[in-house]
Amino acid sequence: MTAAVGVAVFALIAVGVIGLETVARRAGHPLATMTEVGRWLRSHRVMRWALLVSWGFVGWHFFVQ
């Protein structure tokens, strides 16, 4: 069960990253870099928390479990 949840969250994070890249390209930034995407994420309060939670999950999954 725990492994399935871990894989599901990693898949959700991957889909989120692909979705953000798609949004950036549609907004007229065809060469959006991960630095620009990260800057955009940190500029919004909700996305800042989502980024923090996703990094926390990845860190917990790799180093604690």
PDB file of N, CA and C in Angstrom:
ATOM      1  N   MET A   1       0.828  -1.194   0.000  1.00  0.00           N
ATOM      2  CA  MET A   1       0.000   0.000   0.000  1.00  0.00           C
ATOM      3  C   MET A   1       0.870   1.253   0.000  1.00  0.00           C
ATOM      4  N   THR A   2       1.894   1.282   0.851  1.00  0.00           N
ATOM      5  CA  THR A   2       2.757   2.455   0.926  1.00  0.00           C
ATOM      6  C   THR A   2       3.499   2.673  -0.387  1.00  0.00           C
ATOM      7  N   ALA A   3       3.952   1.605  -1.012  1.00  0.00           N
ATOM      8  CA  ALA A   3       4.650   1.731  -2.291  1.00  0.00           C
ATOM      9  C   ALA A   3       3.724   2.295  -3.363  1.00  0.00           C
ATOM     10  N   ALA A   4       2.477   1.877  -3.358  1.00  0.00           N
ATOM     11  CA  ALA A   4       1.516   2.388  -4.344  1.00  0.00           C
ATOM     12  C   ALA A   4       1.273   3.873  -4.148  1.00  0.00           C
ATOM     13  N   VAL A   5       1.178   4.304  -2.904  1.00  0.00           N
ATOM     14  CA  VAL A   5       0.990   5.736  -2.621  1.00  0.00           C
ATOM     15  C   VAL A   5       2.220   6.517  -3.071  1.00  0.00           C
ATOM     16  N   GLY A   6       3.414   5.970  -2.808  1.00  0.00           N
ATOM     17  CA  GLY A   6       4.644   6.634  -3.228  1.00  0.00           C
ATOM     18  C   GLY A   6       4.719   6.803  -4.732  1.00  0.00           C
ATOM     19  N   VAL A   7       4.407   5.752  -5.458  1.00  0.00           N
ATOM     20  CA  VAL A   7       4.430   5.813  -6.923  1.00  0.00           C
ATOM     21  C   VAL A   7       3.377   6.798  -7.429  1.00  0.00           C
ATOM     22  N   ALA A   8       2.206   6.791  -6.806  1.00  0.00           N
ATOM     23  CA  ALA A   8       1.140   7.715  -7.216  1.00  0.00           C
ATOM     24  C   ALA A   8       1.551   9.173  -7.007  1.00  0.00           C
ATOM     25  N   VAL A   9       2.204   9.471  -5.896  1.00  0.00           N
ATOM     26  CA  VAL A   9       2.630  10.853  -5.643  1.00  0.00           C
ATOM     27  C   VAL A   9       3.735  11.254  -6.613  1.00  0.00           C
ATOM     28  N   PHE A  10       4.689  10.367  -6.880  1.00  0.00           N
ATOM     29  CA  PHE A  10       5.721  10.679  -7.869  1.00  0.00           C
ATOM     30  C   PHE A  10       5.102  10.929  -9.240  1.00  0.00           C
ATOM     31  N   ALA A  11       4.118  10.133  -9.617  1.00  0.00           N
ATOM     32  CA  ALA A  11       3.436  10.335 -10.898  1.00  0.00           C
ATOM     33  C   ALA A  11       2.713  11.675 -10.906  1.00  0.00           C
ATOM     34  N   LEU A  12       2.093  12.043  -9.801  1.00  0.00           N
ATOM     35  CA  LEU A  12       1.399  13.331  -9.696  1.00  0.00           C
ATOM     36  C   LEU A  12       2.383  14.487  -9.839  1.00  0.00           C
ATOM     37  N   ILE A  13       3.543  14.376  -9.208  1.00  0.00           N
ATOM     38  CA  ILE A  13       4.563  15.420  -9.335  1.00  0.00           C
ATOM     39  C   ILE A  13       5.041  15.523 -10.782  1.00  0.00           C
ATOM     40  N   ALA A  14       5.260  14.385 -11.442  1.00  0.00           N
ATOM     41  CA  ALA A  14       5.704  14.396 -12.840  1.00  0.00           C
ATOM     42  C   ALA A  14       4.661  15.022 -13.753  1.00  0.00           C
ATOM     43  N   VAL A  15       3.407  14.679 -13.547  1.00  0.00           N
ATOM     44  CA  VAL A  15       2.331  15.271 -14.351  1.00  0.00           C
ATOM     45  C   VAL A  15       2.257  16.769 -14.090  1.00  0.00           C
ATOM     46  N   GLY A  16       2.454  17.182 -12.856  1.00  0.00           N
ATOM     47  CA  GLY A  16       2.449  18.606 -12.520  1.00  0.00           C
ATOM     48  C   GLY A  16       3.555  19.363 -13.236  1.00  0.00           C
ATOM     49  N   VAL A  17       4.751  18.781 -13.270  1.00  0.00           N
ATOM     50  CA  VAL A  17       5.873  19.434 -13.949  1.00  0.00           C
ATOM     51  C   VAL A  17       5.605  19.542 -15.446  1.00  0.00           C
ATOM     52  N   ILE A  18       5.088  18.480 -16.045  1.00  0.00           N
ATOM     53  CA  ILE A  18       4.766  18.515 -17.476  1.00  0.00           C
ATOM     54  C   ILE A  18       3.666  19.534 -17.747  1.00  0.00           C
ATOM     55  N   GLY A  19       2.670  19.595 -16.861  1.00  0.00           N
ATOM     56  CA  GLY A  19       1.599  20.581 -17.012  1.00  0.00           C
ATOM     57  C   GLY A  19       2.112  22.004 -16.909  1.00  0.00           C
ATOM     58  N   LEU A  20       3.020  22.263 -15.975  1.00  0.00           N
ATOM     59  CA  LEU A  20       3.583  23.602 -15.842  1.00  0.00           C
ATOM     60  C   LEU A  20       4.387  23.996 -17.077  1.00  0.00           C
ATOM     61  N   GLU A  21       5.109  23.040 -17.635  1.00  0.00           N
ATOM     62  CA  GLU A  21       5.867  23.333 -18.851  1.00  0.00           C
ATOM     63  C   GLU A  21       4.921  23.653 -20.005  1.00  0.00           C
ATOM     64  N   THR A  22       3.824  22.920 -20.096  1.00  0.00           N
ATOM     65  CA  THR A  22       2.831  23.172 -21.145  1.00  0.00           C
ATOM     66  C   THR A  22       2.215  24.556 -20.988  1.00  0.00           C
ATOM     67  N   VAL A  23       1.862  24.917 -19.762  1.00  0.00           N
ATOM     68  CA  VAL A  23       1.289  26.249 -19.505  1.00  0.00           C
ATOM     69  C   VAL A  23       2.290  27.335 -19.874  1.00  0.00           C
ATOM     70  N   ALA A  24       3.551  27.144 -19.522  1.00  0.00           N
ATOM     71  CA  ALA A  24       4.582  28.139 -19.840  1.00  0.00           C
ATOM     72  C   ALA A  24       4.742  28.293 -21.346  1.00  0.00           C
ATOM     73  N   ARG A  25       4.712  27.179 -22.063  1.00  0.00           N
ATOM     74  CA  ARG A  25       4.872  27.268 -23.520  1.00  0.00           C
ATOM     75  C   ARG A  25       3.668  27.932 -24.177  1.00  0.00           C
ATOM     76  N   ARG A  26       2.468  27.671 -23.684  1.00  0.00           N
ATOM     77  CA  ARG A  26       1.269  28.299 -24.249  1.00  0.00           C
ATOM     78  C   ARG A  26       1.217  29.781 -23.939  1.00  0.00           C
ATOM     79  N   ALA A  27       1.846  30.191 -22.836  1.00  0.00           N
ATOM     80  CA  ALA A  27       1.841  31.603 -22.452  1.00  0.00           C
ATOM     81  C   ALA A  27       2.850  32.417 -23.257  1.00  0.00           C
ATOM     82  N   GLY A  28       3.527  31.796 -24.194  1.00  0.00           N
ATOM     83  CA  GLY A  28       4.450  32.523 -25.051  1.00  0.00           C
ATOM     84  C   GLY A  28       5.892  32.441 -24.607  1.00  0.00           C
ATOM     85  N   HIS A  29       6.236  31.489 -23.772  1.00  0.00           N
ATOM     86  CA  HIS A  29       7.610  31.289 -23.341  1.00  0.00           C
ATOM     87  C   HIS A  29       8.085  29.937 -23.865  1.00  0.00           C
ATOM     88  N   PRO A  30       8.417  29.848 -25.146  1.00  0.00           N
ATOM     89  CA  PRO A  30       8.765  28.541 -25.725  1.00  0.00           C
ATOM     90  C   PRO A  30      10.042  27.939 -25.143  1.00  0.00           C
ATOM     91  N   LEU A  31      10.904  28.770 -24.575  1.00  0.00           N
ATOM     92  CA  LEU A  31      12.149  28.256 -24.021  1.00  0.00           C
ATOM     93  C   LEU A  31      12.156  28.398 -22.499  1.00  0.00           C
ATOM     94  N   ALA A  32      11.033  28.103 -21.876  1.00  0.00           N
ATOM     95  CA  ALA A  32      10.946  28.205 -20.416  1.00  0.00           C
ATOM     96  C   ALA A  32      11.894  27.202 -19.772  1.00  0.00           C
ATOM     97  N   THR A  33      12.712  27.687 -18.862  1.00  0.00           N
ATOM     98  CA  THR A  33      13.648  26.823 -18.169  1.00  0.00           C
ATOM     99  C   THR A  33      13.067  26.418 -16.822  1.00  0.00           C
ATOM    100  N   MET A  34      13.662  25.409 -16.202  1.00  0.00           N
ATOM    101  CA  MET A  34      13.205  24.995 -14.878  1.00  0.00           C
ATOM    102  C   MET A  34      13.431  26.109 -13.858  1.00  0.00           C
ATOM    103  N   THR A  35      14.436  26.953 -14.082  1.00  0.00           N
ATOM    104  CA  THR A  35      14.670  28.090 -13.187  1.00  0.00           C
ATOM    105  C   THR A  35      13.502  29.055 -13.244  1.00  0.00           C
ATOM    106  N   GLU A  36      13.021  29.357 -14.450  1.00  0.00           N
ATOM    107  CA  GLU A  36      11.879  30.259 -14.601  1.00  0.00           C
ATOM    108  C   GLU A  36      10.616  29.642 -14.012  1.00  0.00           C
ATOM    109  N   VAL A  37      10.411  28.343 -14.223  1.00  0.00           N
ATOM    110  CA  VAL A  37       9.246  27.664 -13.660  1.00  0.00           C
ATOM    111  C   VAL A  37       9.319  27.692 -12.136  1.00  0.00           C
ATOM    112  N   GLY A  38      10.505  27.439 -11.580  1.00  0.00           N
ATOM    113  CA  GLY A  38      10.672  27.501 -10.128  1.00  0.00           C
ATOM    114  C   GLY A  38      10.419  28.892  -9.583  1.00  0.00           C
ATOM    115  N   ARG A  39      10.875  29.908 -10.281  1.00  0.00           N
ATOM    116  CA  ARG A  39      10.630  31.299  -9.866  1.00  0.00           C
ATOM    117  C   ARG A  39       9.128  31.599  -9.884  1.00  0.00           C
ATOM    118  N   TRP A  40       8.435  31.109 -10.907  1.00  0.00           N
ATOM    119  CA  TRP A  40       6.993  31.332 -10.987  1.00  0.00           C
ATOM    120  C   TRP A  40       6.279  30.608  -9.843  1.00  0.00           C
ATOM    121  N   LEU A  41       6.718  29.382  -9.549  1.00  0.00           N
ATOM    122  CA  LEU A  41       6.106  28.626  -8.453  1.00  0.00           C
ATOM    123  C   LEU A  41       6.286  29.330  -7.119  1.00  0.00           C
ATOM    124  N   ARG A  42       7.473  29.856  -6.880  1.00  0.00           N
ATOM    125  CA  ARG A  42       7.741  30.511  -5.607  1.00  0.00           C
ATOM    126  C   ARG A  42       7.035  31.848  -5.484  1.00  0.00           C
ATOM    127  N   SER A  43       6.563  32.419  -6.577  1.00  0.00           N
ATOM    128  CA  SER A  43       5.913  33.725  -6.512  1.00  0.00           C
ATOM    129  C   SER A  43       4.454  33.628  -6.069  1.00  0.00           C
ATOM    130  N   HIS A  44       3.854  32.453  -6.079  1.00  0.00           N
ATOM    131  CA  HIS A  44       2.463  32.267  -5.666  1.00  0.00           C
ATOM    132  C   HIS A  44       2.430  31.511  -4.347  1.00  0.00           C
ATOM    133  N   ARG A  45       1.629  31.992  -3.396  1.00  0.00           N
ATOM    134  CA  ARG A  45       1.618  31.419  -2.057  1.00  0.00           C
ATOM    135  C   ARG A  45       1.198  29.955  -2.054  1.00  0.00           C
ATOM    136  N   VAL A  46       0.128  29.609  -2.750  1.00  0.00           N
ATOM    137  CA  VAL A  46      -0.356  28.226  -2.757  1.00  0.00           C
ATOM    138  C   VAL A  46       0.660  27.317  -3.444  1.00  0.00           C
ATOM    139  N   MET A  47       1.212  27.771  -4.545  1.00  0.00           N
ATOM    140  CA  MET A  47       2.184  26.948  -5.269  1.00  0.00           C
ATOM    141  C   MET A  47       3.472  26.794  -4.464  1.00  0.00           C
ATOM    142  N   ARG A  48       3.824  27.813  -3.671  1.00  0.00           N
ATOM    143  CA  ARG A  48       5.004  27.710  -2.811  1.00  0.00           C
ATOM    144  C   ARG A  48       4.821  26.578  -1.806  1.00  0.00           C
ATOM    145  N   TRP A  49       3.622  26.482  -1.223  1.00  0.00           N
ATOM    146  CA  TRP A  49       3.346  25.392  -0.280  1.00  0.00           C
ATOM    147  C   TRP A  49       3.311  24.043  -0.978  1.00  0.00           C
ATOM    148  N   ALA A  50       2.740  23.999  -2.188  1.00  0.00           N
ATOM    149  CA  ALA A  50       2.700  22.744  -2.946  1.00  0.00           C
ATOM    150  C   ALA A  50       4.117  22.281  -3.279  1.00  0.00           C
ATOM    151  N   LEU A  51       4.978  23.218  -3.633  1.00  0.00           N
ATOM    152  CA  LEU A  51       6.369  22.885  -3.934  1.00  0.00           C
ATOM    153  C   LEU A  51       7.075  22.362  -2.686  1.00  0.00           C
ATOM    154  N   LEU A  52       6.850  23.012  -1.558  1.00  0.00           N
ATOM    155  CA  LEU A  52       7.459  22.584  -0.306  1.00  0.00           C
ATOM    156  C   LEU A  52       6.996  21.183   0.088  1.00  0.00           C
ATOM    157  N   VAL A  53       5.705  20.924  -0.045  1.00  0.00           N
ATOM    158  CA  VAL A  53       5.170  19.604   0.304  1.00  0.00           C
ATOM    159  C   VAL A  53       5.718  18.530  -0.633  1.00  0.00           C
ATOM    160  N   SER A  54       5.799  18.834  -1.917  1.00  0.00           N
ATOM    161  CA  SER A  54       6.311  17.828  -2.859  1.00  0.00           C
ATOM    162  C   SER A  54       7.785  17.520  -2.587  1.00  0.00           C
ATOM    163  N   TRP A  55       8.596  18.537  -2.297  1.00  0.00           N
ATOM    164  CA  TRP A  55       9.998  18.286  -1.968  1.00  0.00           C
ATOM    165  C   TRP A  55      10.119  17.534  -0.657  1.00  0.00           C
ATOM    166  N   GLY A  56       9.262  17.855   0.305  1.00  0.00           N
ATOM    167  CA  GLY A  56       9.270  17.126   1.569  1.00  0.00           C
ATOM    168  C   GLY A  56       8.948  15.656   1.376  1.00  0.00           C
ATOM    169  N   PHE A  57       7.976  15.381   0.533  1.00  0.00           N
ATOM    170  CA  PHE A  57       7.612  13.988   0.260  1.00  0.00           C
ATOM    171  C   PHE A  57       8.760  13.250  -0.411  1.00  0.00           C
ATOM    172  N   VAL A  58       9.377  13.888  -1.392  1.00  0.00           N
ATOM    173  CA  VAL A  58      10.490  13.240  -2.100  1.00  0.00           C
ATOM    174  C   VAL A  58      11.636  12.966  -1.130  1.00  0.00           C
ATOM    175  N   GLY A  59      11.958  13.944  -0.293  1.00  0.00           N
ATOM    176  CA  GLY A  59      13.031  13.746   0.682  1.00  0.00           C
ATOM    177  C   GLY A  59      12.710  12.643   1.664  1.00  0.00           C
ATOM    178  N   TRP A  60      11.484  12.622   2.159  1.00  0.00           N
ATOM    179  CA  TRP A  60      11.081  11.573   3.094  1.00  0.00           C
ATOM    180  C   TRP A  60      11.146  10.206   2.424  1.00  0.00           C
ATOM    181  N   HIS A  61      10.676  10.142   1.192  1.00  0.00           N
ATOM    182  CA  HIS A  61      10.616   8.864   0.487  1.00  0.00           C
ATOM    183  C   HIS A  61      12.018   8.299   0.234  1.00  0.00           C
ATOM    184  N   PHE A  62      12.953   9.171  -0.143  1.00  0.00           N
ATOM    185  CA  PHE A  62      14.296   8.701  -0.462  1.00  0.00           C
ATOM    186  C   PHE A  62      15.149   8.427   0.773  1.00  0.00           C
ATOM    187  N   PHE A  63      15.047   9.274   1.792  1.00  0.00           N
ATOM    188  CA  PHE A  63      16.012   9.203   2.878  1.00  0.00           C
ATOM    189  C   PHE A  63      15.493   8.589   4.157  1.00  0.00           C
ATOM    190  N   VAL A  64      14.194   8.567   4.371  1.00  0.00           N
ATOM    191  CA  VAL A  64      13.645   8.027   5.620  1.00  0.00           C
ATOM    192  C   VAL A  64      13.113   6.619   5.421  1.00  0.00           C
ATOM    193  N   GLN A  65      12.412   6.435   4.349  1.00  0.00           N
ATOM    194  CA  GLN A  65      11.742   5.153   4.155  1.00  0.00           C
ATOM    195  C   GLN A  65      12.703   4.051   3.822  1.00  0.00           C
TER     196      GLN A  65
END
